Amino acid sequence: MLVAVDHPGTAWKVADSLEELARLAETVDVEVVGSVTQKLPHPLSGTYVGKGKLQEIQELKEALGYDLVLCDEELSPAQQRNLERALDVKIIDRTALILDVFARRARTHEGRLQVELAQLEYRLPRLTGMWTHLSRQGVGGVGLRGPGETQLEVDRREARARITQIKRELDAVHTHRQLYRERRQERQAPVAALVGYTNAGKSTLLNALTGAGVTAEDKLFATLDPTTRRVTLPASRDALVTDTVGFINNLPALLIAAFRATLEEINEATILVHVLDVTHPNAREQWETVNRTLEELGADDKPTVVVFNKTDLLPTDGADRVALLACELGLCEPPVPISAAAGTGLGSLLARIEAAIEQETGFVPVRLHVPYARTDLVDHFHRAGRVEASSFDDDGATLVGWLPAAALGRFVPYIEERRT
């Protein structure tokens, strides 16, 4: 049974939010038999819903035979306990459900650690009332340790110890990622991070651009672990494209904190590629949700290329839909319409990515003469910059084109002129 309170603090319409909650439930093999909503100024601190609505939910239990209640917001420990007492069924809130979806989707050791950390920090304040019927362990006495701990205290201590251990392991992962990013920056490889709502088609797009072969399913949170692959831009310059975890409405703050190392790929990227499912009825709400999350991460000021994906699924008036949505979102630049699944529009997207990278990295026009003994620099010019023309003589290669200002250092001895 799905339960939601419709109040002014909700970002989505309650019906749309419940529809997404139902999809999350199906992802973990839970059958939805019905839903109940109540319009209130705010959720009640004791039981989430009002007394009369709680009575209605109790009566539906006999009629529908539900044995689980999913609430569409994060409940306080007191709300959860009171609902369980009143309804005599298991109560799960939106946060716990999303954590369970993440736990099922995590494939790598890092991903599993991140999910476990979020789960432990979610459960820690809820470890109450479970063991209070047990007597204290041990007895007091002279020279002895005094009253023993309750099982609740033992559980809390063990949970805190495990949290500390996981954080240490994730710090090691963070250090490894930072070293990898620094090596990447030394090679002057720009990074385009794919961001967007869950199931917007980011993994399909990564596969289409790079042949990465990552899992791409029509499921919420099919991707939890970031994947980075190399792509060749139109002017033969190389860039890296990183697939990131999708966002969702009311994404738990615990998950954002736990996935810190993963989400840092977004902060460290040269540009963002915001992938939006143009066919989704809540495309505008999804857009706003992603932007709010990027703001929380401090990445909302990154140069961004907006991509309208799944255009192959639009009806015949698809161009009108694209134009109307772009107007509703108030986009400064027109979005790039593509179909990652059908492979259409990818050339235009790569051109836009290249232009955004060049603008962000501050390309400088140069003319170089590189001796044959430094063919490594010729290769690096092609990878880091954009070659407009090249010629060869007895002494070496002359290259004309653009280089990122940050990459000029190693080329300084061979610069013939700075073009304007």
Protein backbone atom coordinates (compact mmCIF):
# COMPACT_ATOMS: atom_id res chain seq x y z
CA MET A 1 0.00 0.00 0.00
CA LEU A 2 1.39 3.39 -1.04
CA VAL A 3 0.73 6.33 1.29
CA ALA A 4 1.48 10.01 0.62
CA VAL A 5 0.69 13.39 2.12
CA ASP A 6 -0.04 16.15 -0.37
CA HIS A 7 1.36 19.32 1.19
CA PRO A 8 2.89 22.60 -0.04
CA GLY A 9 6.43 21.38 0.68
CA THR A 10 6.34 18.71 -2.05
CA ALA A 11 8.15 19.52 -5.31
CA TRP A 12 6.11 17.11 -7.47
CA LYS A 13 2.39 16.54 -7.88
CA VAL A 14 1.44 13.77 -5.46
CA ALA A 15 0.06 11.51 -8.23
CA ASP A 16 3.33 11.73 -10.20
CA SER A 17 5.42 11.12 -7.11
CA LEU A 18 3.35 8.03 -6.21
CA GLU A 19 3.71 6.72 -9.75
CA GLU A 20 7.48 6.92 -9.36
CA LEU A 21 7.24 5.29 -5.91
CA ALA A 22 5.34 2.43 -7.54
CA ARG A 23 8.15 2.01 -10.10
CA LEU A 24 10.69 1.91 -7.28
CA ALA A 25 8.57 -0.75 -5.55
CA GLU A 26 8.42 -2.86 -8.71
CA THR A 27 12.21 -2.59 -8.98
CA VAL A 28 12.51 -4.54 -5.71
CA ASP A 29 9.71 -6.99 -6.65
CA VAL A 30 7.00 -5.45 -4.47
CA GLU A 31 3.44 -5.65 -5.82
CA VAL A 32 1.44 -2.45 -5.37
CA VAL A 33 -2.23 -3.12 -4.52
CA GLY A 34 -3.41 0.43 -3.87
CA SER A 35 -2.60 3.95 -2.75
CA VAL A 36 -3.93 6.49 -0.28
CA THR A 37 -3.26 10.24 -0.20
CA GLN A 38 -4.23 13.01 2.19
CA LYS A 39 -4.02 16.77 1.69
CA LEU A 40 -2.51 18.44 4.76
CA PRO A 41 -0.53 21.62 5.53
CA HIS A 42 2.32 19.29 6.58
CA PRO A 43 2.78 15.63 7.57
CA LEU A 44 1.77 14.98 11.18
CA SER A 45 4.70 14.47 13.54
CA GLY A 46 3.15 11.44 15.23
CA THR A 47 1.61 9.28 12.50
CA TYR A 48 2.43 11.07 9.21
CA VAL A 49 -1.31 11.04 8.25
CA GLY A 50 -4.35 12.12 10.23
CA LYS A 51 -6.41 9.89 12.54
CA GLY A 52 -9.29 9.45 10.08
CA LYS A 53 -6.97 8.60 7.18
CA LEU A 54 -5.11 6.13 9.40
CA GLN A 55 -8.44 4.43 10.14
CA GLU A 56 -9.13 4.23 6.39
CA ILE A 57 -5.74 2.60 5.78
CA GLN A 58 -6.49 0.07 8.54
CA GLU A 59 -9.81 -0.85 6.92
CA LEU A 60 -8.15 -1.30 3.51
CA LYS A 61 -5.81 -3.87 5.04
CA GLU A 62 -8.63 -6.41 5.31
CA ALA A 63 -10.04 -5.55 1.87
CA LEU A 64 -6.75 -5.57 -0.06
CA GLY A 65 -4.63 -7.89 2.07
CA TYR A 66 -1.51 -5.71 1.98
CA ASP A 67 1.37 -6.61 4.30
CA LEU A 68 3.66 -3.63 3.66
CA VAL A 69 3.14 0.15 3.63
CA LEU A 70 5.41 2.42 1.58
CA CYS A 71 5.37 6.10 2.57
CA ASP A 72 6.42 8.63 -0.05
CA GLU A 73 8.67 10.69 2.25
CA GLU A 74 11.34 9.98 4.82
CA LEU A 75 9.69 9.21 8.16
CA SER A 76 11.04 10.07 11.55
CA PRO A 77 11.75 7.07 13.84
CA ALA A 78 8.68 8.03 15.92
CA GLN A 79 6.38 8.20 12.86
CA GLN A 80 7.60 4.80 11.70
CA ARG A 81 7.10 3.18 15.13
CA ASN A 82 3.62 4.68 15.58
CA LEU A 83 2.47 3.56 12.13
CA GLU A 84 3.77 0.03 12.72
CA ARG A 85 1.89 -0.16 16.02
CA ALA A 86 -1.34 1.15 14.47
CA LEU A 87 -1.27 -0.96 11.29
CA ASP A 88 0.63 -4.05 12.49
CA VAL A 89 2.59 -4.28 9.23
CA LYS A 90 6.09 -3.32 8.15
CA ILE A 91 6.47 0.38 7.33
CA ILE A 92 9.10 1.51 4.80
CA ASP A 93 9.67 5.10 3.76
CA ARG A 94 10.96 6.44 0.44
CA THR A 95 14.53 6.72 1.71
CA ALA A 96 14.68 3.09 2.87
CA LEU A 97 13.18 1.94 -0.44
CA ILE A 98 15.75 3.87 -2.50
CA LEU A 99 18.52 2.45 -0.28
CA ASP A 100 17.21 -1.05 -0.97
CA VAL A 101 17.19 -0.40 -4.73
CA PHE A 102 20.78 0.84 -4.50
CA ALA A 103 21.78 -2.22 -2.48
CA ARG A 104 20.44 -4.51 -5.22
CA ARG A 105 22.10 -2.51 -8.00
CA ALA A 106 25.58 -2.11 -6.47
CA ARG A 107 28.09 -4.28 -8.32
CA THR A 108 31.55 -3.10 -7.31
CA HIS A 109 33.16 -3.27 -3.87
CA GLU A 110 33.11 0.54 -3.69
CA GLY A 111 29.42 0.72 -4.61
CA ARG A 112 28.49 -1.86 -1.97
CA LEU A 113 30.48 0.02 0.68
CA GLN A 114 28.75 3.29 -0.21
CA VAL A 115 25.31 1.74 0.05
CA GLU A 116 26.13 -0.03 3.33
CA LEU A 117 27.36 3.25 4.82
CA ALA A 118 24.12 5.02 3.87
CA GLN A 119 22.02 2.13 5.23
CA LEU A 120 23.86 2.08 8.56
CA GLU A 121 23.55 5.83 9.03
CA TYR A 122 19.84 5.61 8.18
CA ARG A 123 19.21 2.74 10.62
CA LEU A 124 21.30 4.00 13.53
CA PRO A 125 18.71 6.45 14.93
CA ARG A 126 16.01 3.82 14.36
CA LEU A 127 17.66 1.19 16.58
CA THR A 128 15.24 1.90 19.41
CA GLY A 129 12.67 -0.20 21.15
CA MET A 130 13.97 -3.42 19.61
CA TRP A 131 15.84 -4.75 22.62
CA THR A 132 14.51 -2.81 25.59
CA HIS A 133 12.79 -5.91 26.98
CA LEU A 134 16.18 -7.53 27.58
CA SER A 135 17.85 -7.15 30.95
CA ARG A 136 21.30 -5.64 31.23
CA GLN A 137 24.18 -8.05 30.73
CA GLY A 138 26.55 -8.71 33.61
CA VAL A 139 26.36 -7.51 37.21
CA GLY A 140 28.06 -4.78 39.16
CA GLY A 141 30.56 -5.28 41.93
CA VAL A 142 33.80 -4.07 43.41
CA GLY A 143 36.58 -4.18 40.84
CA LEU A 144 34.16 -5.10 38.09
CA ARG A 145 33.00 -2.99 35.15
CA GLY A 146 29.59 -2.02 36.47
CA PRO A 147 26.20 -2.59 34.79
CA GLY A 148 26.42 -4.30 31.42
CA GLU A 149 25.18 -2.87 28.15
CA THR A 150 21.74 -3.42 26.74
CA GLN A 151 21.61 -5.18 23.39
CA LEU A 152 20.55 -1.83 21.92
CA GLU A 153 23.77 -0.21 23.13
CA VAL A 154 25.82 -3.09 21.73
CA ASP A 155 24.12 -2.76 18.35
CA ARG A 156 24.69 0.98 18.27
CA ARG A 157 28.36 0.61 19.18
CA GLU A 158 28.89 -2.06 16.52
CA ALA A 159 27.07 0.07 13.90
CA ARG A 160 29.24 3.10 14.73
CA ALA A 161 32.40 0.98 14.53
CA ARG A 162 31.36 -0.37 11.13
CA ILE A 163 30.56 3.17 9.91
CA THR A 164 34.05 4.30 10.95
CA GLN A 165 35.64 1.33 9.17
CA ILE A 166 33.68 1.92 5.94
CA LYS A 167 34.59 5.61 5.94
CA ARG A 168 38.26 4.68 6.22
CA GLU A 169 37.96 2.31 3.27
CA LEU A 170 36.10 4.92 1.20
CA ASP A 171 38.75 7.52 2.06
CA ALA A 172 41.32 5.16 0.50
CA VAL A 173 39.11 4.93 -2.60
CA HIS A 174 38.83 8.72 -2.62
CA THR A 175 42.64 9.05 -2.53
CA HIS A 176 42.99 6.57 -5.42
CA ARG A 177 40.38 8.48 -7.48
CA GLN A 178 42.12 11.78 -6.77
CA LEU A 179 45.46 10.40 -7.99
CA TYR A 180 43.75 9.08 -11.12
CA ARG A 181 42.15 12.47 -11.77
CA GLU A 182 45.48 14.25 -11.29
CA ARG A 183 47.14 11.93 -13.85
CA ARG A 184 44.26 12.64 -16.20
CA GLN A 185 44.72 16.39 -15.79
CA GLU A 186 48.47 16.07 -16.44
CA ARG A 187 47.62 14.47 -19.78
CA GLN A 188 45.27 17.38 -20.47
CA ALA A 189 42.35 15.05 -21.15
CA PRO A 190 39.11 17.07 -20.77
CA VAL A 191 36.20 15.27 -19.11
CA ALA A 192 32.51 15.45 -20.01
CA ALA A 193 30.35 14.04 -17.19
CA LEU A 194 26.92 12.68 -18.12
CA VAL A 195 24.35 13.79 -15.53
CA GLY A 196 20.60 13.46 -15.42
CA TYR A 197 17.57 11.84 -13.88
CA THR A 198 17.63 8.09 -13.38
CA ASN A 199 16.61 6.20 -16.53
CA ALA A 200 17.18 9.23 -18.80
CA GLY A 201 19.48 7.15 -21.03
CA LYS A 202 22.96 8.17 -19.84
CA SER A 203 24.44 4.66 -20.02
CA THR A 204 22.93 4.08 -23.46
CA LEU A 205 24.49 7.36 -24.59
CA LEU A 206 27.91 6.38 -23.18
CA ASN A 207 27.70 3.11 -25.10
CA ALA A 208 26.65 4.90 -28.29
CA LEU A 209 29.50 7.43 -28.07
CA THR A 210 32.31 5.12 -26.93
CA GLY A 211 31.24 1.49 -27.32
CA ALA A 212 31.72 1.10 -23.56
CA GLY A 213 29.38 -1.87 -23.24
CA VAL A 214 28.08 -0.84 -19.81
CA THR A 215 24.76 -2.14 -18.51
CA ALA A 216 21.88 -0.09 -19.92
CA GLU A 217 18.43 -1.21 -18.79
CA ASP A 218 14.97 0.34 -18.69
CA LYS A 219 15.14 0.33 -14.89
CA LEU A 220 15.63 2.92 -12.20
CA PHE A 221 19.26 3.15 -11.04
CA ALA A 222 20.64 0.60 -13.50
CA THR A 223 24.00 2.40 -13.08
CA LEU A 224 25.59 3.08 -9.69
CA ASP A 225 29.29 2.79 -10.47
CA PRO A 226 30.89 5.49 -12.65
CA THR A 227 32.41 4.38 -15.95
CA THR A 228 34.87 6.53 -17.93
CA ARG A 229 35.72 5.94 -21.58
CA ARG A 230 37.66 7.82 -24.26
CA VAL A 231 35.92 9.42 -27.23
CA THR A 232 37.30 11.13 -30.35
CA LEU A 233 35.80 14.56 -31.03
CA PRO A 234 35.18 15.87 -34.58
CA ALA A 235 38.56 17.64 -34.84
CA SER A 236 40.32 14.39 -33.87
CA ARG A 237 40.89 15.53 -30.31
CA ASP A 238 40.39 13.02 -27.50
CA ALA A 239 38.12 13.59 -24.49
CA LEU A 240 36.85 11.40 -21.67
CA VAL A 241 33.16 10.74 -21.05
CA THR A 242 32.03 9.65 -17.57
CA ASP A 243 28.69 8.02 -16.80
CA THR A 244 27.41 8.92 -13.32
CA VAL A 245 24.66 7.70 -11.00
CA GLY A 246 21.24 9.07 -11.88
CA PHE A 247 19.35 11.43 -9.59
CA ILE A 248 15.79 11.09 -8.33
CA ASN A 249 13.19 13.19 -6.56
CA ASN A 250 13.94 13.30 -2.80
CA LEU A 251 17.30 11.60 -3.28
CA PRO A 252 18.35 10.87 0.33
CA ALA A 253 21.06 13.18 1.67
CA LEU A 254 22.65 10.06 3.17
CA LEU A 255 23.22 8.69 -0.32
CA ILE A 256 24.71 11.93 -1.59
CA ALA A 257 27.14 11.88 1.35
CA ALA A 258 27.96 8.18 0.94
CA PHE A 259 28.58 8.52 -2.81
CA ARG A 260 30.89 11.47 -2.27
CA ALA A 261 33.86 9.90 -4.08
CA THR A 262 31.67 8.89 -7.02
CA LEU A 263 29.90 12.23 -7.30
CA GLU A 264 33.23 14.09 -7.20
CA GLU A 265 33.59 12.99 -10.83
CA ILE A 266 30.89 15.60 -11.53
CA ASN A 267 32.71 18.37 -9.65
CA GLU A 268 36.02 17.58 -11.34
CA ALA A 269 34.60 17.39 -14.88
CA THR A 270 35.46 20.02 -17.48
CA ILE A 271 31.84 20.25 -18.63
CA LEU A 272 28.53 18.55 -17.85
CA VAL A 273 26.22 16.89 -20.36
CA HIS A 274 22.70 17.04 -18.90
CA VAL A 275 20.69 14.18 -20.43
CA LEU A 276 16.91 14.66 -20.27
CA ASP A 277 14.24 12.16 -21.36
CA VAL A 278 12.21 14.44 -23.62
CA THR A 279 9.34 11.92 -23.75
CA HIS A 280 8.75 11.79 -19.99
CA PRO A 281 5.55 13.54 -18.81
CA ASN A 282 7.52 14.95 -15.85
CA ALA A 283 10.52 16.10 -17.88
CA ARG A 284 10.36 19.60 -16.41
CA GLU A 285 10.21 18.29 -12.82
CA GLN A 286 13.09 15.91 -13.54
CA TRP A 287 15.12 18.82 -14.95
CA GLU A 288 14.51 20.86 -11.79
CA THR A 289 15.34 17.90 -9.54
CA VAL A 290 18.71 17.34 -11.25
CA ASN A 291 19.56 21.04 -11.08
CA ARG A 292 18.71 21.16 -7.36
CA THR A 293 20.97 18.16 -6.73
CA LEU A 294 23.81 19.72 -8.76
CA GLU A 295 23.41 22.85 -6.65
CA GLU A 296 23.73 20.75 -3.47
CA LEU A 297 26.93 19.26 -4.90
CA GLY A 298 28.30 22.71 -5.77
CA ALA A 299 28.42 21.85 -9.49
CA ASP A 300 25.59 24.05 -10.72
CA ASP A 301 28.00 26.59 -12.25
CA LYS A 302 29.65 24.10 -14.61
CA PRO A 303 29.39 24.71 -18.38
CA THR A 304 26.57 22.42 -19.50
CA VAL A 305 25.43 20.94 -22.79
CA VAL A 306 21.73 20.04 -22.60
CA VAL A 307 20.67 16.88 -24.44
CA PHE A 308 17.06 15.93 -25.20
CA ASN A 309 17.19 12.14 -25.49
CA LYS A 310 14.74 9.54 -26.83
CA THR A 311 13.51 11.72 -29.72
CA ASP A 312 12.85 8.54 -31.72
CA LEU A 313 9.93 7.85 -29.35
CA LEU A 314 8.26 11.22 -29.95
CA PRO A 315 5.09 11.45 -32.07
CA THR A 316 5.06 13.23 -35.43
CA ASP A 317 5.02 16.65 -33.76
CA GLY A 318 8.28 15.82 -31.97
CA ALA A 319 10.04 19.00 -33.12
CA ASP A 320 7.29 21.09 -31.55
CA ARG A 321 7.63 19.18 -28.29
CA VAL A 322 11.40 19.81 -28.25
CA ALA A 323 10.94 23.53 -28.94
CA LEU A 324 8.17 23.92 -26.35
CA LEU A 325 10.11 22.12 -23.61
CA ALA A 326 13.26 24.13 -24.35
CA CYS A 327 11.18 27.31 -23.98
CA GLU A 328 9.64 26.08 -20.69
CA LEU A 329 13.09 25.35 -19.27
CA GLY A 330 14.36 28.79 -20.29
CA LEU A 331 17.48 27.41 -22.00
CA CYS A 332 20.07 29.97 -23.11
CA GLU A 333 21.31 27.66 -25.89
CA PRO A 334 19.14 25.25 -27.88
CA PRO A 335 19.31 21.64 -26.64
CA VAL A 336 20.83 18.87 -28.77
CA PRO A 337 18.04 16.47 -29.81
CA ILE A 338 19.31 12.89 -30.03
CA SER A 339 18.32 9.25 -29.74
CA ALA A 340 21.08 7.36 -27.96
CA ALA A 341 19.31 4.06 -28.69
CA ALA A 342 18.92 4.76 -32.43
CA GLY A 343 22.28 6.56 -32.71
CA THR A 344 20.86 9.75 -34.23
CA GLY A 345 22.15 13.25 -33.49
CA LEU A 346 25.44 12.02 -32.01
CA GLY A 347 27.60 13.98 -34.49
CA SER A 348 25.91 17.24 -33.48
CA LEU A 349 26.32 16.34 -29.81
CA LEU A 350 30.06 15.68 -30.17
CA ALA A 351 30.48 19.02 -31.95
CA ARG A 352 28.68 20.82 -29.11
CA ILE A 353 30.78 18.98 -26.50
CA GLU A 354 33.96 19.96 -28.35
CA ALA A 355 32.89 23.63 -28.56
CA ALA A 356 32.01 23.72 -24.85
CA ILE A 357 35.36 22.15 -23.89
CA GLU A 358 37.29 24.58 -26.06
CA GLN A 359 35.49 27.55 -24.55
CA GLU A 360 36.03 26.27 -21.00
CA THR A 361 39.69 25.30 -21.36
CA GLY A 362 40.69 28.58 -23.05
CA PHE A 363 42.12 27.45 -26.39
CA VAL A 364 45.02 29.50 -27.76
CA PRO A 365 45.81 29.65 -31.52
CA VAL A 366 49.46 28.63 -32.16
CA ARG A 367 51.93 27.72 -34.90
CA LEU A 368 54.63 25.20 -33.94
CA HIS A 369 57.69 23.68 -35.55
CA VAL A 370 58.49 20.40 -33.80
CA PRO A 371 61.69 18.40 -34.56
CA TYR A 372 61.31 14.75 -35.50
CA ALA A 373 62.97 13.82 -32.22
CA ARG A 374 59.83 15.09 -30.44
CA THR A 375 57.13 13.22 -32.29
CA ASP A 376 55.55 12.67 -28.88
CA LEU A 377 54.58 16.37 -28.93
CA VAL A 378 52.95 15.98 -32.33
CA ASP A 379 50.86 13.16 -30.91
CA HIS A 380 50.03 15.20 -27.82
CA PHE A 381 48.97 18.18 -29.94
CA HIS A 382 46.49 15.96 -31.77
CA ARG A 383 45.13 14.53 -28.52
CA ALA A 384 45.01 17.70 -26.39
CA GLY A 385 44.37 20.36 -29.03
CA ARG A 386 42.94 20.86 -32.47
CA VAL A 387 45.19 20.72 -35.55
CA GLU A 388 44.04 22.93 -38.43
CA ALA A 389 46.96 22.27 -40.80
CA SER A 390 50.26 20.40 -40.83
CA SER A 391 53.31 20.19 -43.08
CA PHE A 392 56.72 18.51 -42.98
CA ASP A 393 60.27 19.47 -43.99
CA ASP A 394 63.75 18.09 -43.40
CA ASP A 395 63.87 19.35 -39.80
CA GLY A 396 60.46 18.39 -38.48
CA ALA A 397 56.72 19.08 -38.54
CA THR A 398 54.93 22.41 -38.64
CA LEU A 399 51.55 22.38 -36.93
CA VAL A 400 48.93 25.10 -36.99
CA GLY A 401 45.94 24.96 -34.68
CA TRP A 402 44.69 25.53 -31.12
CA LEU A 403 45.97 24.31 -27.76
CA PRO A 404 44.51 24.68 -24.26
CA ALA A 405 46.32 27.46 -22.42
CA ALA A 406 47.13 25.00 -19.61
CA ALA A 407 48.92 22.68 -22.09
CA LEU A 408 51.24 25.28 -23.62
CA GLY A 409 54.14 24.72 -21.22
CA ARG A 410 55.77 21.76 -22.95
CA PHE A 411 55.35 23.38 -26.39
CA VAL A 412 56.94 26.76 -25.55
CA PRO A 413 60.41 26.00 -27.09
CA TYR A 414 58.78 25.17 -30.41
CA ILE A 415 56.21 27.99 -30.76
CA GLU A 416 56.93 30.02 -33.89
CA GLU A 417 54.09 32.50 -33.32
CA ARG A 418 50.96 33.04 -31.29
CA ARG A 419 48.21 33.57 -33.81
CA THR A 420 45.35 35.96 -33.13
